[in-house]
Every structure is written in structure tokens, then in C-alpha cells.
Amino acid sequence: MAARPAVTCFSGRDLIKNLSCRMALVRILVDGYSLLHNWPELAPGRARFSAEARSELIRRLMLYQDAAGTPISLFFDGSGPVSGKPSTESSPGVEVLYSKAGQTADQLIERAAHRFAPYGEVLAVTDDLAERETVIALGGFASSCWNFIQTIESTLAELEDDIKHHNRRERHRFQKRG
């Protein structure tokens, strides 16, 4: 059996395309505060870890999950929202979890990576190098937050372009009928 590379890194859409060639990507595991820290544009003028920023992150992940089709688990340190309850709760496609007292989001991500291993591969999104190496050792993949943000943004932009193209085509088809 060949040894796996220490870190598997791809950028943008290539990340998901490469993963889909190997085994089924069963879930994306996201370190919520790590992603929020790297994505200040989510809630301009608001604190990076505010309820508004968390809600916007959840909203964007739901859009991405709709486009990509892979379920996402979003993990936050703490027993609940730091300031206020996020306006968007978990959905079937995006699960939002908070660690209990004495636990960390990293521990939950490791546990989920281990439990999902029999069903396929997971992708962990975090900037914690030790956490990424642990998930890779458990048979999963890892992505930096920046790479994942680029993947989300390019996927959503591509989806928006596809919708515009489809709407234009339909509008043209409808006008031909009339």
C-alpha cells in the first residue's frame, strides 16, 4: 500500500473534483471559528465571531451544500452561541454543533472523521495543522480555510452564472413562442 502524502492540498473547484475521483466524500467537517477568522467579509462592520457572522457563515454553507450536494457539519467551540442565538439553525444539509464544556471543536471533528471513515472519506476544513494531519491519518482529507473559501466562492459564482444562462435561454425560448 502506498503512503499517503502528509497534506493533500488543492485549490478552488479542483479540490472537490479531485476528491470525487477517489471515494465518496460523505461529509465536510468545518471548524467554524477557524473559518470565521479567515473570512472577515461575511459580516462587514460586525465582530468576526458575532451571531450575525455565524448566521451568514451558516447561510453561505447552506448555499454551497445545495450546489455541491455533500452534507456539512459545522463545529464551534463552546456550549452555544457566544453572543445571541444564530438566526439560522441546523438543516438536513448543514448541521451546526457546539462542543460541550471540557470539549473542543477539534475533538468533535476528530471523532466525526473516525466515525464516518467506514462510509467514505471526509474533508476537514481548518487552519489547525495538527488537526488536519490527524484527519488525514484517519483516512480523510484536509483543506485550509482559505482554499475552502475559494472553493465556496467559485462554486457559488459558477452556480449564479449557470442560473443566469438558464434564465436567458428560457426567456429567449418563451419569446419565440409568443
Protein backbone atom coordinates (compact mmCIF):
# COMPACT_ATOMS: atom_id res chain seq x y z
CA MET A 1 0.00 0.00 0.00
CA ALA A 2 1.44 3.39 -0.99
CA ALA A 3 1.97 6.00 1.69
CA ARG A 4 -0.37 8.99 1.63
CA PRO A 5 1.09 12.46 1.26
CA ALA A 6 1.33 14.39 4.53
CA VAL A 7 -1.09 17.06 3.33
CA THR A 8 -3.47 16.93 0.39
CA CYS A 9 -3.91 20.44 -0.99
CA PHE A 10 -5.93 21.60 -3.94
CA SER A 11 -7.42 24.97 -4.68
CA GLY A 12 -10.86 26.04 -5.72
CA ARG A 13 -13.09 23.67 -7.67
CA ASP A 14 -10.18 21.22 -8.18
CA LEU A 15 -10.45 20.28 -4.51
CA ILE A 16 -13.93 18.78 -4.85
CA LYS A 17 -13.28 17.35 -8.33
CA ASN A 18 -10.16 15.52 -7.11
CA LEU A 19 -11.91 14.15 -4.04
CA SER A 20 -14.84 12.84 -6.03
CA CYS A 21 -12.46 10.74 -8.18
CA ARG A 22 -11.34 8.59 -5.25
CA MET A 23 -14.09 7.56 -2.88
CA ALA A 24 -17.38 9.09 -1.90
CA LEU A 25 -16.92 12.28 0.08
CA VAL A 26 -19.53 11.65 2.75
CA ARG A 27 -19.22 14.84 4.78
CA ILE A 28 -17.36 18.11 5.08
CA LEU A 29 -16.29 18.87 8.67
CA VAL A 30 -15.74 22.58 9.28
CA ASP A 31 -14.03 24.28 12.23
CA GLY A 32 -16.46 27.21 12.45
CA TYR A 33 -14.35 29.76 14.30
CA SER A 34 -11.29 28.95 12.18
CA LEU A 35 -13.33 29.63 9.03
CA LEU A 36 -14.88 32.80 10.51
CA HIS A 37 -11.43 34.08 11.44
CA ASN A 38 -10.33 33.76 7.79
CA TRP A 39 -13.49 35.22 6.22
CA PRO A 40 -13.94 38.79 7.52
CA GLU A 41 -16.13 39.72 4.51
CA LEU A 42 -19.01 37.62 5.88
CA ALA A 43 -20.40 40.33 8.16
CA PRO A 44 -18.74 43.67 7.42
CA GLY A 45 -18.86 46.04 10.37
CA ARG A 46 -19.66 43.24 12.82
CA ALA A 47 -17.41 41.36 15.20
CA ARG A 48 -15.90 38.36 13.43
CA PHE A 49 -17.34 35.88 15.94
CA SER A 50 -20.73 37.62 16.35
CA ALA A 51 -24.10 35.93 15.93
CA GLU A 52 -24.50 37.83 12.64
CA ALA A 53 -21.19 36.48 11.30
CA ARG A 54 -22.11 32.93 12.37
CA SER A 55 -25.53 33.24 10.75
CA GLU A 56 -24.01 34.49 7.50
CA LEU A 57 -21.48 31.63 7.56
CA ILE A 58 -24.29 29.13 8.03
CA ARG A 59 -26.27 30.75 5.19
CA ARG A 60 -23.29 30.57 2.79
CA LEU A 61 -22.57 26.97 3.76
CA MET A 62 -26.22 26.09 3.06
CA LEU A 63 -25.93 27.64 -0.41
CA TYR A 64 -22.70 25.76 -1.02
CA GLN A 65 -24.19 22.49 0.24
CA ASP A 66 -27.16 22.93 -2.12
CA ALA A 67 -24.72 23.35 -5.04
CA ALA A 68 -22.21 20.65 -4.05
CA GLY A 69 -24.61 18.11 -2.55
CA THR A 70 -22.24 17.00 0.22
CA PRO A 71 -23.55 17.33 3.78
CA ILE A 72 -21.63 19.71 6.04
CA SER A 73 -21.08 19.60 9.80
CA LEU A 74 -20.08 22.96 11.26
CA PHE A 75 -18.38 22.78 14.65
CA PHE A 76 -17.97 25.64 17.12
CA ASP A 77 -16.09 25.67 20.41
CA GLY A 78 -18.37 26.33 23.36
CA SER A 79 -21.70 25.18 24.64
CA GLY A 80 -23.66 27.56 22.45
CA PRO A 81 -23.55 30.84 20.60
CA VAL A 82 -21.21 33.35 22.24
CA SER A 83 -23.46 36.39 21.82
CA GLY A 84 -27.00 35.72 20.82
CA LYS A 85 -28.51 32.77 19.06
CA PRO A 86 -27.81 32.45 15.34
CA SER A 87 -30.92 33.14 13.29
CA THR A 88 -30.31 30.02 11.20
CA GLU A 89 -30.26 26.64 12.90
CA SER A 90 -29.18 23.27 11.56
CA SER A 91 -30.79 21.91 8.42
CA PRO A 92 -30.62 18.45 6.87
CA GLY A 93 -27.68 19.56 4.72
CA VAL A 94 -25.80 21.72 7.22
CA GLU A 95 -25.52 20.52 10.79
CA VAL A 96 -24.42 23.13 13.37
CA LEU A 97 -22.80 21.72 16.52
CA TYR A 98 -21.29 23.33 19.62
CA SER A 99 -18.82 21.48 21.83
CA LYS A 100 -19.77 20.80 25.44
CA ALA A 101 -17.83 22.10 28.42
CA GLY A 102 -14.44 20.36 28.52
CA GLN A 103 -14.54 19.53 24.79
CA THR A 104 -13.21 21.35 21.76
CA ALA A 105 -14.45 21.59 18.20
CA ASP A 106 -11.20 19.83 17.20
CA GLN A 107 -12.10 16.81 19.32
CA LEU A 108 -15.56 16.65 17.74
CA ILE A 109 -14.07 16.87 14.25
CA GLU A 110 -11.65 14.03 15.02
CA ARG A 111 -14.44 11.90 16.42
CA ALA A 112 -16.66 12.57 13.39
CA ALA A 113 -13.79 11.77 11.00
CA HIS A 114 -13.27 8.45 12.78
CA ARG A 115 -16.99 7.58 12.82
CA PHE A 116 -17.57 8.46 9.15
CA ALA A 117 -14.49 6.51 7.95
CA PRO A 118 -16.41 3.26 7.21
CA TYR A 119 -18.85 5.17 4.97
CA GLY A 120 -16.35 7.09 2.86
CA GLU A 121 -13.95 9.98 3.12
CA VAL A 122 -14.41 13.26 4.93
CA LEU A 123 -12.92 16.65 4.28
CA ALA A 124 -11.85 18.66 7.33
CA VAL A 125 -11.66 22.42 6.90
CA THR A 126 -9.40 24.12 9.44
CA ASP A 127 -6.19 26.10 9.68
CA ASP A 128 -5.01 23.98 12.61
CA LEU A 129 -2.18 21.94 11.04
CA ALA A 130 -2.21 19.30 13.78
CA GLU A 131 -5.95 18.82 13.28
CA ARG A 132 -5.52 18.48 9.51
CA GLU A 133 -2.78 15.88 9.96
CA THR A 134 -4.94 13.93 12.41
CA VAL A 135 -7.86 13.78 9.97
CA ILE A 136 -5.53 12.72 7.15
CA ALA A 137 -4.14 9.97 9.43
CA LEU A 138 -7.73 8.83 9.98
CA GLY A 139 -8.17 8.43 6.21
CA GLY A 140 -9.78 11.77 5.40
CA PHE A 141 -8.72 14.87 3.54
CA ALA A 142 -7.96 18.34 4.82
CA SER A 143 -8.20 21.83 3.42
CA SER A 144 -7.06 25.19 4.66
CA CYS A 145 -9.80 27.70 5.32
CA TRP A 146 -8.55 29.93 2.51
CA ASN A 147 -8.76 27.10 -0.05
CA PHE A 148 -12.25 26.19 1.11
CA ILE A 149 -13.42 29.83 0.95
CA GLN A 150 -12.10 29.98 -2.63
CA THR A 151 -13.96 26.75 -3.42
CA ILE A 152 -17.21 28.11 -1.98
CA GLU A 153 -16.91 31.44 -3.77
CA SER A 154 -16.05 29.89 -7.14
CA THR A 155 -18.82 27.27 -6.82
CA LEU A 156 -21.44 29.90 -5.93
CA ALA A 157 -20.25 32.22 -8.74
CA GLU A 158 -20.43 29.33 -11.21
CA LEU A 159 -23.92 28.45 -9.98
CA GLU A 160 -25.03 32.06 -10.36
CA ASP A 161 -23.68 32.13 -13.93
CA ASP A 162 -25.45 28.85 -14.73
CA ILE A 163 -28.74 30.23 -13.41
CA LYS A 164 -28.36 33.46 -15.42
CA HIS A 165 -27.59 31.45 -18.56
CA HIS A 166 -30.56 29.15 -17.96
CA ASN A 167 -32.90 32.10 -17.34
CA ARG A 168 -31.68 33.83 -20.51
CA ARG A 169 -32.26 30.65 -22.53
CA GLU A 170 -35.72 30.19 -21.07
CA ARG A 171 -36.63 33.85 -21.65
CA HIS A 172 -35.48 33.53 -25.29
CA ARG A 173 -37.44 30.27 -25.73
CA PHE A 174 -40.56 31.84 -24.24
CA GLN A 175 -40.28 34.92 -26.51
CA LYS A 176 -40.03 32.67 -29.60
CA ARG A 177 -43.36 31.05 -28.68
CA GLY A 178 -45.18 34.37 -28.45
